[in-house]
Protein backbone atom coordinates (compact mmCIF):
# COMPACT_ATOMS: atom_id res chain seq x y z
CA MET A 1 -15.75 -3.66 9.50
CA LEU A 2 -15.05 -1.27 6.61
CA ARG A 3 -18.14 0.74 7.49
CA GLU A 4 -17.11 0.92 11.14
CA ALA A 5 -13.66 2.13 10.08
CA GLY A 6 -15.27 4.88 7.99
CA LEU A 7 -13.87 3.56 4.71
CA VAL A 8 -17.22 2.92 3.02
CA ASP A 9 -20.69 4.44 2.92
CA VAL A 10 -23.67 2.10 2.70
CA GLU A 11 -26.99 2.76 0.98
CA GLN A 12 -29.76 0.23 1.33
CA GLN A 13 -31.99 -0.26 -1.71
CA ALA A 14 -34.74 -2.78 -1.00
CA GLN A 15 -32.94 -6.10 -0.46
CA ARG A 16 -29.55 -4.80 -1.62
CA ARG A 17 -26.86 -2.75 0.04
CA ILE A 18 -24.74 -0.49 -2.14
CA TYR A 19 -21.25 0.19 -0.79
CA ARG A 20 -19.25 3.22 -1.88
CA LEU A 21 -15.58 3.63 -1.10
CA ARG A 22 -14.71 6.83 0.75
CA THR A 23 -11.40 8.15 -0.56
CA GLU A 24 -10.78 10.79 2.12
CA PRO A 25 -9.66 8.33 4.84
CA LEU A 26 -7.42 6.58 2.31
CA ALA A 27 -5.82 9.90 1.37
CA ASP A 28 -5.15 10.53 5.07
CA LEU A 29 -3.60 7.08 5.38
CA ASP A 30 -1.46 7.66 2.29
CA GLU A 31 -0.19 10.93 3.79
CA TRP A 32 0.61 9.20 7.09
CA LEU A 33 2.46 6.38 5.29
CA ALA A 34 4.57 8.70 3.08
CA PRO A 35 7.63 8.89 5.38
CA TYR A 36 7.64 5.12 5.86
CA ARG A 37 7.28 4.58 2.11
CA ALA A 38 10.30 6.80 1.47
CA LEU A 39 12.32 4.90 4.08
CA TRP A 40 11.43 1.49 2.65
CA GLN A 41 11.96 2.54 -0.96
CA GLY A 42 15.56 3.42 -0.16
CA ARG A 43 16.13 0.19 1.73
CA LEU A 44 14.51 -1.94 -0.97
CA ALA A 45 16.59 -0.20 -3.65
CA ALA A 46 19.73 -1.04 -1.67
CA LEU A 47 18.57 -4.66 -1.32
CA HIS A 48 17.96 -4.84 -5.07
CA THR A 49 21.50 -3.57 -5.68
CA GLU A 50 22.98 -6.22 -3.36
CA VAL A 51 20.95 -9.01 -4.95
CA ALA A 52 22.06 -7.92 -8.43
CA ARG A 53 25.67 -7.76 -7.24
CA GLY A 54 25.43 -11.30 -5.85
CA ARG A 55 24.01 -12.58 -9.12
CA ARG A 56 26.86 -10.98 -11.09
CA GLU A 57 29.44 -12.50 -8.73
CA ARG A 58 27.92 -15.99 -9.07
CA ARG A 59 27.94 -15.74 -12.85
CA ALA A 60 31.57 -14.61 -12.84
CA THR A 61 32.71 -17.72 -10.92
């Protein structure tokens, strides 16, 4: 599956197969995910703030 997706190269040596990770497709994926990562980082930071606020309120009561 990884070979079909272009994420690995395969070299056969006698009875063994040597797999090498191709970083170019992963770099493309990372670039495509960047806007979503930025969106989720902001949302997760806000969630963290709310969770911390709830913990402080429970301790205060």
